[in-house]
Amino acid sequence: MNIKGTEMVFRLQTAMEEEKRGRVMGLYSMAVSGMTPFGNLLDGWLASHMAQWKRCLRAG
């Protein structure tokens, strides 16, 4: 994930015009970091509806 994330940030920064780069990176940061609480809610709901062994398989 780290290498793919770094590559994505690199590609975004090099593809954007300098005037819009800050805005685009702000949206990217919000999308990546800001969606964590919703993922946690989904994970909690799945945990209450799945057997423990299925949760272990899903977690990796």
N, C-alpha and C. Protein backbone atom coordinates (compact mmCIF):
# COMPACT_ATOMS: atom_id res chain seq x y z
N MET A 1 0.83 -1.19 0.00
CA MET A 1 0.00 0.00 0.00
C MET A 1 0.86 1.25 0.00
N ASN A 2 1.96 1.22 0.71
CA ASN A 2 2.79 2.40 0.84
C ASN A 2 3.41 2.80 -0.50
N ILE A 3 3.88 1.83 -1.26
CA ILE A 3 4.50 2.14 -2.55
C ILE A 3 3.45 2.66 -3.52
N LYS A 4 2.27 2.05 -3.53
CA LYS A 4 1.21 2.52 -4.41
C LYS A 4 0.74 3.91 -4.01
N GLY A 5 0.65 4.16 -2.72
CA GLY A 5 0.24 5.48 -2.24
C GLY A 5 1.24 6.55 -2.62
N THR A 6 2.51 6.24 -2.50
CA THR A 6 3.57 7.18 -2.87
C THR A 6 3.53 7.46 -4.37
N GLU A 7 3.32 6.43 -5.15
CA GLU A 7 3.24 6.62 -6.60
C GLU A 7 2.04 7.47 -6.97
N MET A 8 0.91 7.26 -6.29
CA MET A 8 -0.29 8.04 -6.59
C MET A 8 -0.08 9.51 -6.27
N VAL A 9 0.55 9.80 -5.13
CA VAL A 9 0.82 11.18 -4.76
C VAL A 9 1.77 11.81 -5.77
N PHE A 10 2.79 11.09 -6.18
CA PHE A 10 3.74 11.59 -7.17
C PHE A 10 3.03 11.92 -8.47
N ARG A 11 2.19 11.01 -8.93
CA ARG A 11 1.49 11.23 -10.20
C ARG A 11 0.53 12.41 -10.11
N LEU A 12 -0.17 12.53 -8.99
CA LEU A 12 -1.07 13.67 -8.82
C LEU A 12 -0.31 14.98 -8.83
N GLN A 13 0.79 15.04 -8.12
CA GLN A 13 1.55 16.28 -8.03
C GLN A 13 2.18 16.67 -9.36
N THR A 14 2.63 15.71 -10.12
CA THR A 14 3.26 16.06 -11.40
C THR A 14 2.23 16.34 -12.49
N ALA A 15 1.03 15.81 -12.37
CA ALA A 15 0.02 16.02 -13.40
C ALA A 15 -0.73 17.34 -13.24
N MET A 16 -0.77 17.87 -12.03
CA MET A 16 -1.54 19.08 -11.76
C MET A 16 -0.77 20.34 -12.08
N GLU A 17 -1.52 21.36 -12.44
CA GLU A 17 -0.94 22.69 -12.59
C GLU A 17 -0.55 23.19 -11.21
N GLU A 18 0.46 24.02 -11.15
CA GLU A 18 0.96 24.48 -9.85
C GLU A 18 -0.09 25.24 -9.06
N GLU A 19 -0.95 25.98 -9.74
CA GLU A 19 -1.98 26.78 -9.05
C GLU A 19 -3.03 25.91 -8.37
N LYS A 20 -3.28 24.72 -8.90
CA LYS A 20 -4.33 23.85 -8.38
C LYS A 20 -3.80 22.70 -7.55
N ARG A 21 -2.51 22.59 -7.43
CA ARG A 21 -1.91 21.44 -6.77
C ARG A 21 -2.33 21.32 -5.31
N GLY A 22 -2.36 22.42 -4.59
CA GLY A 22 -2.74 22.38 -3.18
C GLY A 22 -4.17 21.93 -2.98
N ARG A 23 -5.06 22.40 -3.84
CA ARG A 23 -6.47 22.00 -3.73
C ARG A 23 -6.65 20.51 -4.00
N VAL A 24 -5.98 20.04 -5.03
CA VAL A 24 -6.10 18.62 -5.38
C VAL A 24 -5.52 17.74 -4.28
N MET A 25 -4.38 18.13 -3.72
CA MET A 25 -3.78 17.33 -2.66
C MET A 25 -4.63 17.38 -1.39
N GLY A 26 -5.29 18.51 -1.15
CA GLY A 26 -6.21 18.60 -0.02
C GLY A 26 -7.38 17.63 -0.17
N LEU A 27 -7.95 17.57 -1.37
CA LEU A 27 -9.04 16.63 -1.63
C LEU A 27 -8.57 15.18 -1.52
N TYR A 28 -7.36 14.92 -2.02
CA TYR A 28 -6.81 13.57 -1.94
C TYR A 28 -6.62 13.17 -0.47
N SER A 29 -6.06 14.07 0.33
CA SER A 29 -5.84 13.78 1.75
C SER A 29 -7.15 13.55 2.47
N MET A 30 -8.16 14.37 2.14
CA MET A 30 -9.47 14.19 2.77
C MET A 30 -10.09 12.85 2.38
N ALA A 31 -9.93 12.47 1.12
CA ALA A 31 -10.50 11.20 0.67
C ALA A 31 -9.81 10.01 1.33
N VAL A 32 -8.49 10.09 1.48
CA VAL A 32 -7.74 8.96 2.05
C VAL A 32 -7.91 8.89 3.56
N SER A 33 -7.71 10.00 4.25
CA SER A 33 -7.76 10.00 5.71
C SER A 33 -9.16 10.21 6.25
N GLY A 34 -9.95 10.98 5.54
CA GLY A 34 -11.28 11.33 6.04
C GLY A 34 -12.29 10.21 5.97
N MET A 35 -12.04 9.19 5.18
CA MET A 35 -13.00 8.10 5.05
C MET A 35 -12.77 7.00 6.08
N THR A 36 -11.73 7.10 6.88
CA THR A 36 -11.42 6.09 7.89
C THR A 36 -12.56 5.85 8.87
N PRO A 37 -13.20 6.90 9.42
CA PRO A 37 -14.30 6.64 10.36
C PRO A 37 -15.45 5.84 9.75
N PHE A 38 -15.75 6.10 8.48
CA PHE A 38 -16.82 5.34 7.84
C PHE A 38 -16.43 3.88 7.63
N GLY A 39 -15.17 3.66 7.32
CA GLY A 39 -14.67 2.28 7.21
C GLY A 39 -14.73 1.56 8.55
N ASN A 40 -14.44 2.28 9.63
CA ASN A 40 -14.52 1.68 10.96
C ASN A 40 -15.95 1.31 11.31
N LEU A 41 -16.91 2.17 10.95
CA LEU A 41 -18.31 1.85 11.19
C LEU A 41 -18.73 0.60 10.42
N LEU A 42 -18.33 0.53 9.17
CA LEU A 42 -18.64 -0.64 8.35
C LEU A 42 -18.01 -1.89 8.93
N ASP A 43 -16.76 -1.77 9.37
CA ASP A 43 -16.06 -2.91 9.94
C ASP A 43 -16.75 -3.39 11.22
N GLY A 44 -17.21 -2.47 12.04
CA GLY A 44 -17.92 -2.84 13.26
C GLY A 44 -19.23 -3.55 12.95
N TRP A 45 -19.94 -3.06 11.94
CA TRP A 45 -21.19 -3.70 11.57
C TRP A 45 -20.94 -5.10 11.03
N LEU A 46 -19.91 -5.24 10.19
CA LEU A 46 -19.57 -6.57 9.67
C LEU A 46 -19.17 -7.52 10.79
N ALA A 47 -18.45 -7.00 11.78
CA ALA A 47 -18.01 -7.85 12.89
C ALA A 47 -19.19 -8.38 13.68
N SER A 48 -20.25 -7.60 13.78
CA SER A 48 -21.41 -8.08 14.54
C SER A 48 -22.28 -9.03 13.73
N HIS A 49 -22.04 -9.13 12.43
CA HIS A 49 -22.86 -9.99 11.59
C HIS A 49 -22.10 -11.16 10.97
N MET A 50 -20.85 -11.34 11.34
CA MET A 50 -20.05 -12.42 10.77
C MET A 50 -19.49 -13.29 11.90
N ALA A 51 -19.21 -14.53 11.57
CA ALA A 51 -18.56 -15.41 12.53
C ALA A 51 -17.10 -14.98 12.71
N GLN A 52 -16.52 -15.34 13.83
CA GLN A 52 -15.17 -14.90 14.14
C GLN A 52 -14.15 -15.41 13.11
N TRP A 53 -14.28 -16.63 12.66
CA TRP A 53 -13.30 -17.16 11.71
C TRP A 53 -13.39 -16.41 10.37
N LYS A 54 -14.58 -15.96 9.99
CA LYS A 54 -14.70 -15.18 8.76
C LYS A 54 -14.04 -13.81 8.91
N ARG A 55 -14.15 -13.23 10.11
CA ARG A 55 -13.49 -11.93 10.34
C ARG A 55 -11.98 -12.08 10.29
N CYS A 56 -11.47 -13.19 10.81
CA CYS A 56 -10.02 -13.42 10.75
C CYS A 56 -9.55 -13.59 9.32
N LEU A 57 -10.31 -14.30 8.49
CA LEU A 57 -9.97 -14.46 7.09
C LEU A 57 -10.02 -13.13 6.35
N ARG A 58 -11.01 -12.32 6.66
CA ARG A 58 -11.16 -11.03 5.99
C ARG A 58 -10.04 -10.06 6.37
N ALA A 59 -9.56 -10.15 7.61
CA ALA A 59 -8.50 -9.27 8.07
C ALA A 59 -7.15 -9.65 7.48
N GLY A 60 -7.00 -10.85 7.05
CA GLY A 60 -5.75 -11.27 6.43
C GLY A 60 -4.92 -11.98 7.42
